[in-house]
Amino acid sequence: MKALLIALLLALGLLVLVDRVGVSVAEGQVADQLAARGELAGTPEVDITGFPFLTQAVSGRYDEVRISLTAEQLGEPAGTRADVSLFGVQVPLSDVVSGSVVAIPVEQVDGTATLAYALLARELGGDTQLAPDGDRLRIERTLDLAGLMVPVTALGTVTLDGRDLVVDVDDASAAGVDVPGFVLDRAVDVLDFRYPVPELPFGLELTGVDPQDDGVHVRVRATDTVLQG
């Protein structure tokens, strides 16, 4: 009985090892294929979730594939990144092994594209500093108001208009300087801006936006998409 138990434990350990090695190989293969089908500038980090992996590989359907995309891989400026999860990724094992994948059906894609504040601040130029303030965006910048260089702090809402991230400033104040209201109204207009969100792979659509500590998070989603070569 003891010998049988030891044999079973060894067999289980071997299966786990094979399973983990299989995951590593598949993640590399899937990363290469996604880079090609998603027209990425580099190979993304891929994490195939779920255990055991081998049953997913045999069935040709992966429950969830997590992908992290850097600015370089997206071919976009520093400060841009995307973290997406692909659900129901269908890739036959034989096609993965032979490298003959021509299309990758995916049931659903959810994720977040992050636009760093330094990236967005460049749109306004000067000494602009951006930071979250609750569900709004705080903007600090020195402006020329009526011939005076005035440090201005403003608050604005962040929304989406199509593929544009829109910052609409509705409140501004001058630090330590007595400035007429109509002059501050001008500051409000100056600090409004739009930022075209870069095109994202996999047919992702923009669904929402939130200012967070590391930048503005743009939520993305796609359903029943097919990654084609």
Protein backbone atom coordinates (compact mmCIF):
# COMPACT_ATOMS: atom_id res chain seq x y z
CA MET A 1 0.00 0.00 0.00
CA LYS A 2 2.80 2.41 0.89
CA ALA A 3 4.59 1.65 -2.37
CA LEU A 4 1.37 2.29 -4.31
CA LEU A 5 0.88 5.63 -2.54
CA ILE A 6 4.44 6.68 -3.34
CA ALA A 7 3.95 5.67 -6.98
CA LEU A 8 0.74 7.71 -7.21
CA LEU A 9 2.41 10.76 -5.67
CA LEU A 10 5.32 10.49 -8.13
CA ALA A 11 2.90 10.15 -11.05
CA LEU A 12 0.94 13.18 -9.85
CA GLY A 13 4.16 15.18 -9.51
CA LEU A 14 5.18 14.23 -13.05
CA LEU A 15 1.82 15.30 -14.44
CA VAL A 16 2.07 18.65 -12.66
CA LEU A 17 5.58 19.13 -14.08
CA VAL A 18 4.43 18.30 -17.59
CA ASP A 19 1.46 20.61 -17.12
CA ARG A 20 3.65 23.55 -16.06
CA VAL A 21 6.15 22.96 -18.87
CA GLY A 22 3.25 22.79 -21.29
CA VAL A 23 1.96 26.13 -20.03
CA SER A 24 5.34 27.76 -20.55
CA VAL A 25 5.64 26.46 -24.10
CA ALA A 26 2.06 27.41 -24.96
CA GLU A 27 2.40 30.89 -23.49
CA GLY A 28 5.39 31.49 -25.74
CA GLN A 29 3.53 30.20 -28.79
CA VAL A 30 0.39 32.17 -28.01
CA ALA A 31 2.44 35.32 -27.36
CA ASP A 32 4.07 35.00 -30.79
CA GLN A 33 0.74 34.43 -32.50
CA LEU A 34 -0.97 37.30 -30.69
CA ALA A 35 1.89 39.62 -31.58
CA ALA A 36 1.43 38.75 -35.23
CA ARG A 37 -2.39 38.71 -35.33
CA GLY A 38 -2.69 41.83 -33.15
CA GLU A 39 -0.08 43.65 -35.27
CA LEU A 40 1.97 44.45 -32.17
CA ALA A 41 5.47 45.94 -32.30
CA GLY A 42 6.77 43.27 -29.90
CA THR A 43 5.89 40.05 -28.12
CA PRO A 44 3.60 40.64 -25.11
CA GLU A 45 3.73 39.01 -21.70
CA VAL A 46 1.18 36.18 -21.69
CA ASP A 47 -0.27 34.26 -18.73
CA ILE A 48 -2.58 31.32 -19.44
CA THR A 49 -4.65 30.80 -16.30
CA GLY A 50 -6.40 27.67 -15.07
CA PHE A 51 -5.26 24.23 -13.90
CA PRO A 52 -4.78 21.74 -15.28
CA PHE A 53 -3.51 23.31 -18.49
CA LEU A 54 -3.31 20.08 -20.47
CA THR A 55 -7.09 19.64 -20.59
CA GLN A 56 -7.38 23.14 -22.07
CA ALA A 57 -4.65 22.43 -24.61
CA VAL A 58 -6.27 19.16 -25.71
CA SER A 59 -9.66 20.82 -26.10
CA GLY A 60 -8.12 23.77 -27.98
CA ARG A 61 -9.96 26.27 -25.79
CA TYR A 62 -8.23 28.39 -23.16
CA ASP A 63 -10.50 29.81 -20.46
CA GLU A 64 -8.51 33.00 -19.89
CA VAL A 65 -5.36 34.43 -21.40
CA ARG A 66 -3.97 37.54 -19.72
CA ILE A 67 -1.83 39.88 -21.79
CA SER A 68 0.27 42.85 -20.68
CA LEU A 69 1.22 45.29 -23.42
CA THR A 70 3.90 47.93 -23.01
CA ALA A 71 4.18 51.25 -24.83
CA GLU A 72 6.93 49.81 -27.02
CA GLN A 73 4.85 46.79 -28.04
CA LEU A 74 1.90 49.03 -28.86
CA GLY A 75 4.16 51.34 -30.84
CA GLU A 76 2.96 54.29 -28.74
CA PRO A 77 4.63 56.96 -26.55
CA ALA A 78 5.99 56.11 -23.12
CA GLY A 79 3.29 56.18 -20.46
CA THR A 80 0.84 54.13 -22.49
CA ARG A 81 0.14 50.51 -21.57
CA ALA A 82 -2.68 48.01 -21.80
CA ASP A 83 -3.63 45.02 -19.66
CA VAL A 84 -6.25 42.79 -21.22
CA SER A 85 -7.82 39.41 -20.55
CA LEU A 86 -9.02 37.24 -23.42
CA PHE A 87 -11.76 34.79 -22.47
CA GLY A 88 -12.56 31.71 -24.50
CA VAL A 89 -9.48 31.75 -26.73
CA GLN A 90 -9.78 28.99 -29.33
CA VAL A 91 -6.50 27.65 -30.68
CA PRO A 92 -6.27 23.96 -31.70
CA LEU A 93 -3.24 22.27 -30.14
CA SER A 94 -2.09 20.87 -33.48
CA ASP A 95 -2.08 24.36 -35.02
CA VAL A 96 -0.12 25.81 -32.09
CA VAL A 97 2.52 23.06 -32.28
CA SER A 98 2.88 23.34 -36.06
CA GLY A 99 2.75 27.15 -36.07
CA SER A 100 -0.08 27.08 -38.62
CA VAL A 101 -2.59 29.26 -36.77
CA VAL A 102 -4.40 31.49 -39.28
CA ALA A 103 -7.20 32.82 -37.04
CA ILE A 104 -7.84 33.01 -33.29
CA PRO A 105 -11.51 33.27 -32.26
CA VAL A 106 -11.98 34.97 -28.89
CA GLU A 107 -15.31 35.07 -27.08
CA GLN A 108 -14.64 38.21 -25.02
CA VAL A 109 -11.89 40.70 -24.29
CA ASP A 110 -11.84 42.99 -21.24
CA GLY A 111 -9.07 45.28 -20.14
CA THR A 112 -7.66 48.67 -19.29
CA ALA A 113 -5.46 51.04 -21.24
CA THR A 114 -3.47 53.37 -18.98
CA LEU A 115 -2.45 56.84 -20.13
CA ALA A 116 0.19 58.27 -17.78
CA TYR A 117 -0.28 61.83 -16.56
CA ALA A 118 3.12 62.85 -17.92
CA LEU A 119 1.92 61.80 -21.37
CA LEU A 120 -1.30 63.82 -21.10
CA ALA A 121 0.47 66.84 -19.53
CA ARG A 122 2.51 67.23 -22.70
CA GLU A 123 -0.71 68.06 -24.53
CA LEU A 124 -1.04 71.26 -22.48
CA GLY A 125 2.68 72.04 -22.49
CA GLY A 126 4.50 74.41 -20.17
CA ASP A 127 4.87 73.30 -16.57
CA THR A 128 1.58 71.39 -16.50
CA GLN A 129 1.08 68.88 -13.70
CA LEU A 130 -1.88 66.49 -13.65
CA ALA A 131 -3.23 64.41 -10.76
CA PRO A 132 -6.50 62.70 -9.79
CA ASP A 133 -8.89 64.55 -7.50
CA GLY A 134 -11.73 62.20 -6.62
CA ASP A 135 -13.45 61.38 -9.89
CA ARG A 136 -12.05 64.52 -11.52
CA LEU A 137 -8.67 65.68 -12.77
CA ARG A 138 -6.61 68.42 -11.10
CA ILE A 139 -4.56 70.58 -13.43
CA GLU A 140 -1.77 72.88 -12.24
CA ARG A 141 -0.06 75.20 -14.70
CA THR A 142 1.44 78.68 -14.86
CA LEU A 143 -0.53 80.83 -17.32
CA ASP A 144 -0.13 84.30 -18.77
CA LEU A 145 -3.31 86.03 -17.55
CA ALA A 146 -3.69 89.69 -18.48
CA GLY A 147 0.08 90.09 -18.65
CA LEU A 148 0.74 88.31 -15.35
CA MET A 149 2.32 84.86 -15.01
CA VAL A 150 -0.12 83.23 -12.59
CA PRO A 151 0.01 79.71 -11.07
CA VAL A 152 -3.45 78.30 -11.76
CA THR A 153 -5.12 75.25 -10.26
CA ALA A 154 -8.14 73.87 -12.07
CA LEU A 155 -10.49 70.92 -11.83
CA GLY A 156 -12.07 69.18 -14.77
CA THR A 157 -14.16 66.19 -15.70
CA VAL A 158 -12.77 63.37 -17.83
CA THR A 159 -15.04 61.74 -20.41
CA LEU A 160 -14.90 59.93 -23.72
CA ASP A 161 -16.12 61.36 -27.02
CA GLY A 162 -15.69 58.61 -29.58
CA ARG A 163 -11.99 57.75 -29.45
CA ASP A 164 -11.08 61.08 -27.82
CA LEU A 165 -10.38 61.49 -24.11
CA VAL A 166 -11.91 64.87 -23.23
CA VAL A 167 -10.94 67.02 -20.22
CA ASP A 168 -13.52 69.75 -19.60
CA VAL A 169 -12.37 72.26 -16.96
CA ASP A 170 -15.17 73.83 -14.94
CA ASP A 171 -13.36 75.46 -12.00
CA ALA A 172 -10.10 77.42 -11.73
CA SER A 173 -8.34 79.46 -9.06
CA ALA A 174 -5.16 81.55 -8.98
CA ALA A 175 -2.69 80.87 -6.16
CA GLY A 176 -2.00 84.00 -4.12
CA VAL A 177 -3.01 86.41 -6.88
CA ASP A 178 -6.15 88.54 -7.08
CA VAL A 179 -7.41 87.86 -10.59
CA PRO A 180 -10.80 88.99 -11.95
CA GLY A 181 -13.33 86.27 -12.61
CA PHE A 182 -13.49 86.91 -16.35
CA VAL A 183 -9.72 86.31 -16.54
CA LEU A 184 -10.06 82.97 -14.78
CA ASP A 185 -12.84 82.11 -17.22
CA ARG A 186 -10.21 82.45 -19.92
CA ALA A 187 -7.97 80.03 -18.01
CA VAL A 188 -10.79 77.50 -17.98
CA ASP A 189 -10.97 77.66 -21.78
CA VAL A 190 -7.20 77.38 -22.19
CA LEU A 191 -6.95 74.27 -20.02
CA ASP A 192 -9.68 72.29 -21.81
CA PHE A 193 -8.14 69.65 -24.08
CA ARG A 194 -8.70 66.48 -26.06
CA TYR A 195 -6.38 63.51 -26.40
CA PRO A 196 -6.95 60.97 -29.19
CA VAL A 197 -6.64 57.54 -27.59
CA PRO A 198 -4.24 55.43 -29.70
CA GLU A 199 -5.69 52.60 -31.72
CA LEU A 200 -5.63 49.37 -29.73
CA PRO A 201 -5.35 45.84 -31.14
CA PHE A 202 -7.91 43.02 -31.11
CA GLY A 203 -10.86 45.23 -32.14
CA LEU A 204 -11.09 46.77 -28.67
CA GLU A 205 -13.73 49.43 -28.10
CA LEU A 206 -13.52 52.16 -25.44
CA THR A 207 -16.25 51.81 -22.80
CA GLY A 208 -15.32 54.14 -19.92
CA VAL A 209 -12.66 56.31 -18.31
CA ASP A 210 -11.44 56.95 -14.73
CA PRO A 211 -8.62 59.09 -13.29
CA GLN A 212 -6.43 56.86 -11.09
CA ASP A 213 -3.14 57.28 -9.23
CA ASP A 214 -0.93 56.04 -12.09
CA GLY A 215 -2.81 57.76 -14.90
CA VAL A 216 -6.16 57.88 -16.63
CA HIS A 217 -7.58 54.37 -17.02
CA VAL A 218 -9.55 53.76 -20.19
CA ARG A 219 -11.69 50.64 -20.03
CA VAL A 220 -11.85 48.54 -23.18
CA ARG A 221 -13.92 45.61 -24.38
CA ALA A 222 -14.58 43.42 -27.41
CA THR A 223 -16.90 40.44 -27.92
CA ASP A 224 -16.85 37.59 -30.43
CA THR A 225 -13.74 38.87 -32.16
CA VAL A 226 -11.39 36.95 -34.43
CA LEU A 227 -7.69 37.77 -34.63
CA GLN A 228 -6.72 37.31 -38.27
CA GLY A 229 -3.30 36.98 -39.84
